[in-house]
């Protein structure tokens, strides 16, 4: 096999790896939308139903709150899994770039991690950072709503 054929093969694998990494991002976005919708609906239902919920036995509120906290933990765990998968895919892409004339992803990451870029913050805040906080906010909301039903 010639050097040109080897480079073409690496390029095709590179294209496939980039496409797969993009799909992981799309799936993560869809999962976030799903969990956010579920959590918002659950918190809204609890909020509107709180007077009736507080009239129920304490364990009913505990079950509802446990369901919300469990949903939050599942969301956070899935986000962690997507983050790990995406990091692995980007590592493979970076390794493939060693065999190509340009290193688009690697260079872009270097620029983001080694600013300052004009008019930018000194440190790049990855989207995953605030994204991973949201499930914990909902878990806290469920626990707060549970405590509220006990105090009524």
Protein backbone atom coordinates (compact mmCIF):
# COMPACT_ATOMS: atom_id res chain seq x y z
CA UNK A 1 0.00 0.00 0.00
CA UNK A 2 1.32 3.45 -0.86
CA UNK A 3 1.73 6.39 1.49
CA UNK A 4 -1.09 8.16 -0.37
CA UNK A 5 -3.43 5.18 0.13
CA UNK A 6 -2.47 5.03 3.82
CA UNK A 7 -3.25 8.73 4.21
CA UNK A 8 -6.62 8.27 2.44
CA UNK A 9 -7.48 5.41 4.79
CA UNK A 10 -6.54 7.50 7.83
CA UNK A 11 -8.59 10.40 6.44
CA UNK A 12 -11.66 8.17 6.04
CA UNK A 13 -11.25 6.84 9.58
CA UNK A 14 -10.83 10.42 10.79
CA UNK A 15 -14.06 11.48 9.10
CA UNK A 16 -15.87 8.53 10.70
CA UNK A 17 -14.46 9.35 14.14
CA UNK A 18 -15.51 13.01 13.85
CA UNK A 19 -19.02 11.99 12.77
CA UNK A 20 -19.31 9.55 15.69
CA UNK A 21 -18.15 12.23 18.15
CA UNK A 22 -20.76 14.60 16.75
CA UNK A 23 -23.45 11.95 17.21
CA UNK A 24 -22.49 11.54 20.86
CA UNK A 25 -22.95 15.29 21.32
CA UNK A 26 -26.35 15.13 19.63
CA UNK A 27 -27.46 12.21 21.78
CA UNK A 28 -26.29 14.04 24.90
CA UNK A 29 -28.29 17.10 23.89
CA UNK A 30 -31.39 14.99 23.31
CA UNK A 31 -30.93 13.27 26.68
CA UNK A 32 -30.62 16.66 28.39
CA UNK A 33 -33.84 17.83 26.77
CA UNK A 34 -35.60 14.64 27.90
CA UNK A 35 -34.41 14.85 31.50
CA UNK A 36 -35.02 18.59 31.74
CA UNK A 37 -38.58 18.13 30.49
CA UNK A 38 -39.24 15.28 32.92
CA UNK A 39 -37.78 17.14 35.87
CA UNK A 40 -39.61 20.37 35.07
CA UNK A 41 -42.91 18.51 34.75
CA UNK A 42 -42.33 16.62 38.00
CA UNK A 43 -41.36 19.72 39.99
CA UNK A 44 -44.34 21.61 38.54
CA UNK A 45 -46.75 18.80 39.45
CA UNK A 46 -45.34 18.62 42.96
CA UNK A 47 -45.48 22.39 43.31
CA UNK A 48 -49.11 22.62 42.24
CA UNK A 49 -50.08 19.51 44.16
CA UNK A 50 -48.21 20.40 47.34
CA UNK A 51 -51.30 21.16 49.49
CA UNK A 52 -52.75 17.74 48.65
CA UNK A 53 -49.35 16.09 48.91
CA UNK A 54 -48.86 17.52 52.39
CA UNK A 55 -52.19 15.97 53.42
CA UNK A 56 -50.94 12.54 52.36
CA UNK A 57 -48.92 10.28 54.65
CA UNK A 58 -45.27 11.39 54.92
CA UNK A 59 -44.05 8.40 52.97
CA UNK A 60 -45.94 9.52 49.84
CA UNK A 61 -43.87 12.71 49.75
CA UNK A 62 -40.76 10.65 50.40
CA UNK A 63 -41.53 8.35 47.46
CA UNK A 64 -42.13 11.30 45.12
CA UNK A 65 -38.96 13.07 46.28
CA UNK A 66 -36.97 9.84 45.99
CA UNK A 67 -38.21 9.43 42.43
CA UNK A 68 -37.08 12.96 41.57
CA UNK A 69 -33.68 12.52 43.23
CA UNK A 70 -33.22 9.15 41.48
CA UNK A 71 -34.05 10.79 38.17
CA UNK A 72 -31.45 13.49 38.93
CA UNK A 73 -28.81 10.88 39.74
CA UNK A 74 -29.59 8.95 36.56
CA UNK A 75 -29.25 12.17 34.55
CA UNK A 76 -25.93 13.07 36.19
CA UNK A 77 -24.60 9.53 35.67
CA UNK A 78 -25.58 9.60 32.01
CA UNK A 79 -23.87 12.97 31.56
CA UNK A 80 -20.70 11.56 33.13
CA UNK A 81 -20.88 8.59 30.78
CA UNK A 82 -21.30 10.83 27.73
CA UNK A 83 -18.38 12.98 28.91
CA UNK A 84 -16.12 9.93 29.24
CA UNK A 85 -17.20 8.59 25.84
CA UNK A 86 -16.66 11.96 24.17
CA UNK A 87 -13.20 12.34 25.76
CA UNK A 88 -12.22 8.92 24.41
CA UNK A 89 -13.48 9.81 20.94
CA UNK A 90 -11.59 13.12 20.96
CA UNK A 91 -8.42 11.30 22.04
CA UNK A 92 -8.80 8.93 19.07
CA UNK A 93 -9.38 11.90 16.76
CA UNK A 94 -6.29 13.62 18.14
CA UNK A 95 -4.23 10.47 17.61
CA UNK A 96 -5.50 10.16 14.02
CA UNK A 97 -4.52 13.79 13.39
CA UNK A 98 -0.90 12.83 13.97
CA UNK A 99 -1.08 11.13 10.55
CA UNK A 100 -2.70 14.06 8.75
CA UNK A 101 -1.18 17.29 7.46
CA UNK A 102 -3.35 19.43 9.79
CA UNK A 103 -4.63 18.94 13.34
CA UNK A 104 -7.92 20.83 13.44
CA UNK A 105 -9.37 19.42 16.67
CA UNK A 106 -6.07 19.33 18.53
CA UNK A 107 -5.19 22.88 17.52
CA UNK A 108 -8.66 24.18 18.39
CA UNK A 109 -8.45 22.56 21.82
CA UNK A 110 -5.00 24.08 22.37
CA UNK A 111 -6.37 27.54 21.52
CA UNK A 112 -9.30 27.07 23.92
CA UNK A 113 -7.14 25.77 26.74
CA UNK A 114 -4.34 28.30 26.31
CA UNK A 115 -6.01 31.69 25.96
CA UNK A 116 -6.35 34.55 26.40
CA UNK A 117 -8.26 35.13 23.23
CA UNK A 118 -9.09 38.78 22.63
CA UNK A 119 -12.25 39.73 24.49
CA UNK A 120 -12.59 36.31 26.14
CA UNK A 121 -12.34 35.01 29.65
CA UNK A 122 -8.94 33.70 30.61
CA UNK A 123 -10.23 30.16 31.14
CA UNK A 124 -12.47 28.24 28.76
CA UNK A 125 -15.58 26.98 30.55
CA UNK A 126 -16.60 23.70 29.01
CA UNK A 127 -20.32 23.28 28.40
CA UNK A 128 -20.30 20.12 30.48
CA UNK A 129 -19.41 22.02 33.64
CA UNK A 130 -22.70 23.90 34.13
CA UNK A 131 -24.56 21.01 32.50
CA UNK A 132 -23.52 18.67 35.30
CA UNK A 133 -24.78 21.09 37.97
CA UNK A 134 -28.39 21.12 36.74
CA UNK A 135 -29.28 17.57 37.90
CA UNK A 136 -28.04 18.46 41.40
CA UNK A 137 -30.18 21.61 41.38
CA UNK A 138 -33.22 19.48 40.62
CA UNK A 139 -32.26 16.96 43.33
CA UNK A 140 -32.05 19.85 45.79
CA UNK A 141 -35.44 21.14 44.57
CA UNK A 142 -37.00 17.72 45.20
CA UNK A 143 -35.51 17.54 48.69
CA UNK A 144 -36.66 21.08 49.44
CA UNK A 145 -40.17 20.30 48.23
CA UNK A 146 -40.17 17.16 50.39
CA UNK A 147 -39.13 19.18 53.43
CA UNK A 148 -41.83 21.71 52.57
CA UNK A 149 -44.53 19.07 52.51
CA UNK A 150 -43.45 17.83 55.94
CA UNK A 151 -43.59 21.30 57.45
CA UNK A 152 -47.12 22.14 56.24
